[in-house]
N, C-alpha and C. Protein backbone atom coordinates (compact mmCIF):
# COMPACT_ATOMS: atom_id res chain seq x y z
N MET A 1 33.78 -22.08 -12.02
CA MET A 1 34.66 -21.12 -11.41
C MET A 1 34.00 -20.47 -10.20
N GLN A 2 32.71 -20.27 -10.24
CA GLN A 2 32.01 -19.69 -9.11
C GLN A 2 31.98 -20.65 -7.93
N ASP A 3 31.99 -21.96 -8.18
CA ASP A 3 31.97 -22.94 -7.10
C ASP A 3 33.21 -22.79 -6.21
N ALA A 4 34.33 -22.41 -6.77
CA ALA A 4 35.55 -22.23 -5.99
C ALA A 4 35.43 -21.04 -5.05
N ASP A 5 34.59 -20.07 -5.38
CA ASP A 5 34.40 -18.89 -4.54
C ASP A 5 33.50 -19.16 -3.34
N VAL A 6 32.69 -20.19 -3.41
CA VAL A 6 31.73 -20.48 -2.33
C VAL A 6 32.43 -20.79 -1.01
N PRO A 7 33.40 -21.73 -0.97
CA PRO A 7 34.07 -21.99 0.32
C PRO A 7 34.78 -20.75 0.86
N GLU A 8 35.37 -19.96 -0.02
CA GLU A 8 36.05 -18.74 0.42
C GLU A 8 35.05 -17.74 1.00
N ALA A 9 33.89 -17.62 0.39
CA ALA A 9 32.85 -16.72 0.90
C ALA A 9 32.31 -17.21 2.23
N GLN A 10 32.13 -18.53 2.36
CA GLN A 10 31.66 -19.09 3.62
C GLN A 10 32.69 -18.89 4.72
N SER A 11 33.96 -19.04 4.37
CA SER A 11 35.04 -18.85 5.33
C SER A 11 35.07 -17.40 5.80
N LYS A 12 34.90 -16.47 4.87
CA LYS A 12 34.88 -15.04 5.21
C LYS A 12 33.69 -14.72 6.10
N ALA A 13 32.53 -15.26 5.79
CA ALA A 13 31.33 -15.03 6.61
C ALA A 13 31.52 -15.61 8.01
N SER A 14 32.10 -16.78 8.08
CA SER A 14 32.37 -17.41 9.37
C SER A 14 33.35 -16.58 10.18
N GLU A 15 34.38 -16.08 9.52
CA GLU A 15 35.37 -15.24 10.20
C GLU A 15 34.74 -13.93 10.68
N ASP A 16 33.88 -13.34 9.87
CA ASP A 16 33.19 -12.10 10.27
C ASP A 16 32.30 -12.34 11.49
N LEU A 17 31.58 -13.45 11.50
CA LEU A 17 30.73 -13.80 12.65
C LEU A 17 31.59 -13.99 13.89
N GLU A 18 32.68 -14.70 13.75
CA GLU A 18 33.58 -14.93 14.88
C GLU A 18 34.13 -13.61 15.42
N ASN A 19 34.51 -12.71 14.54
CA ASN A 19 35.02 -11.41 14.96
C ASN A 19 33.96 -10.59 15.69
N ARG A 20 32.71 -10.66 15.22
CA ARG A 20 31.62 -9.93 15.91
C ARG A 20 31.38 -10.50 17.30
N VAL A 21 31.43 -11.83 17.44
CA VAL A 21 31.23 -12.46 18.73
C VAL A 21 32.36 -12.06 19.68
N ILE A 22 33.58 -12.09 19.20
CA ILE A 22 34.72 -11.70 20.04
C ILE A 22 34.59 -10.24 20.46
N ALA A 23 34.22 -9.37 19.54
CA ALA A 23 34.04 -7.96 19.88
C ALA A 23 32.95 -7.77 20.93
N GLU A 24 31.87 -8.53 20.81
CA GLU A 24 30.77 -8.43 21.78
C GLU A 24 31.22 -8.90 23.17
N ILE A 25 32.01 -9.97 23.21
CA ILE A 25 32.52 -10.47 24.49
C ILE A 25 33.48 -9.46 25.11
N VAL A 26 34.36 -8.89 24.31
CA VAL A 26 35.31 -7.90 24.82
C VAL A 26 34.56 -6.69 25.36
N GLU A 27 33.55 -6.23 24.64
CA GLU A 27 32.76 -5.09 25.10
C GLU A 27 32.10 -5.41 26.45
N LEU A 28 31.53 -6.59 26.58
CA LEU A 28 30.89 -6.99 27.83
C LEU A 28 31.91 -7.06 28.97
N GLN A 29 33.06 -7.64 28.70
CA GLN A 29 34.08 -7.75 29.73
C GLN A 29 34.53 -6.36 30.20
N ARG A 30 34.72 -5.44 29.27
CA ARG A 30 35.13 -4.08 29.64
C ARG A 30 34.06 -3.39 30.46
N GLU A 31 32.81 -3.54 30.03
CA GLU A 31 31.70 -2.92 30.76
C GLU A 31 31.67 -3.38 32.20
N PHE A 32 31.77 -4.67 32.41
CA PHE A 32 31.69 -5.19 33.77
C PHE A 32 32.96 -4.93 34.57
N TYR A 33 34.09 -4.87 33.91
CA TYR A 33 35.33 -4.59 34.64
C TYR A 33 35.31 -3.17 35.20
N PHE A 34 34.89 -2.23 34.38
CA PHE A 34 34.96 -0.83 34.79
C PHE A 34 33.73 -0.35 35.56
N GLU A 35 32.57 -0.96 35.34
CA GLU A 35 31.34 -0.42 35.92
C GLU A 35 30.65 -1.34 36.92
N ASN A 36 30.79 -2.63 36.78
CA ASN A 36 29.99 -3.56 37.59
C ASN A 36 30.86 -4.67 38.17
N ARG A 37 31.90 -4.33 38.83
CA ARG A 37 32.84 -5.34 39.31
C ARG A 37 32.22 -6.37 40.23
N ASN A 38 31.17 -6.03 40.93
CA ASN A 38 30.58 -6.97 41.89
C ASN A 38 29.41 -7.78 41.31
N LYS A 39 29.20 -7.70 40.04
CA LYS A 39 28.07 -8.41 39.42
C LYS A 39 28.57 -9.55 38.54
N ASP A 40 29.41 -10.40 39.09
CA ASP A 40 30.04 -11.47 38.32
C ASP A 40 29.02 -12.46 37.76
N SER A 41 27.97 -12.79 38.53
CA SER A 41 27.01 -13.76 38.04
C SER A 41 26.25 -13.23 36.82
N GLU A 42 25.94 -11.94 36.80
CA GLU A 42 25.29 -11.32 35.64
C GLU A 42 26.22 -11.37 34.42
N ARG A 43 27.49 -11.08 34.63
CA ARG A 43 28.47 -11.12 33.54
C ARG A 43 28.54 -12.53 32.97
N ARG A 44 28.59 -13.52 33.84
CA ARG A 44 28.67 -14.91 33.36
C ARG A 44 27.41 -15.32 32.59
N ARG A 45 26.25 -14.89 33.05
CA ARG A 45 25.00 -15.21 32.35
C ARG A 45 25.01 -14.59 30.96
N ARG A 46 25.43 -13.34 30.87
CA ARG A 46 25.46 -12.67 29.58
C ARG A 46 26.50 -13.28 28.64
N LEU A 47 27.63 -13.71 29.18
CA LEU A 47 28.63 -14.40 28.36
C LEU A 47 28.07 -15.70 27.81
N ARG A 48 27.38 -16.46 28.65
CA ARG A 48 26.74 -17.70 28.18
C ARG A 48 25.75 -17.41 27.07
N ASP A 49 24.97 -16.34 27.21
CA ASP A 49 24.00 -15.97 26.18
C ASP A 49 24.69 -15.67 24.85
N ILE A 50 25.78 -14.92 24.90
CA ILE A 50 26.53 -14.58 23.68
C ILE A 50 27.06 -15.85 23.03
N ILE A 51 27.68 -16.70 23.82
CA ILE A 51 28.28 -17.93 23.28
C ILE A 51 27.20 -18.86 22.75
N ASP A 52 26.07 -18.99 23.46
CA ASP A 52 24.98 -19.84 22.99
C ASP A 52 24.42 -19.36 21.66
N ARG A 53 24.28 -18.05 21.49
CA ARG A 53 23.77 -17.51 20.22
C ARG A 53 24.73 -17.78 19.08
N ALA A 54 26.03 -17.77 19.35
CA ALA A 54 27.04 -17.92 18.30
C ALA A 54 27.41 -19.36 18.00
N THR A 55 26.99 -20.29 18.85
CA THR A 55 27.36 -21.69 18.70
C THR A 55 26.16 -22.52 18.28
N PRO A 56 26.25 -23.20 17.15
CA PRO A 56 25.14 -24.06 16.75
C PRO A 56 24.94 -25.20 17.75
N LEU A 57 23.70 -25.58 17.96
CA LEU A 57 23.39 -26.69 18.88
C LEU A 57 23.92 -27.98 18.31
N GLY A 58 24.46 -28.81 19.19
CA GLY A 58 24.93 -30.13 18.77
C GLY A 58 26.25 -30.12 18.05
N ASP A 59 26.94 -28.99 17.96
CA ASP A 59 28.22 -28.90 17.29
C ASP A 59 29.31 -29.34 18.24
N ASN A 60 30.07 -30.33 17.84
CA ASN A 60 31.15 -30.84 18.70
C ASN A 60 32.50 -30.55 18.09
C-alpha cells in the first residue's frame, strides 16, 4: 500500500519544485521590469541560471 503513495509523493515534490522555479522566474522578471529595464543581458543570464539549476542535464 505504501508503494502506491510513492509516485504521488514524487509527483507532489516535482510539482512543488516546478512552482518554486516559476515563482523565482516571475520574481526576477518583475525586478527587472520595474527596476532594471536596460539590463536585458543580465536578466537573460539570470534566467538561464534558474532554468539550468531546475533542469537535469541530458533530459530531453
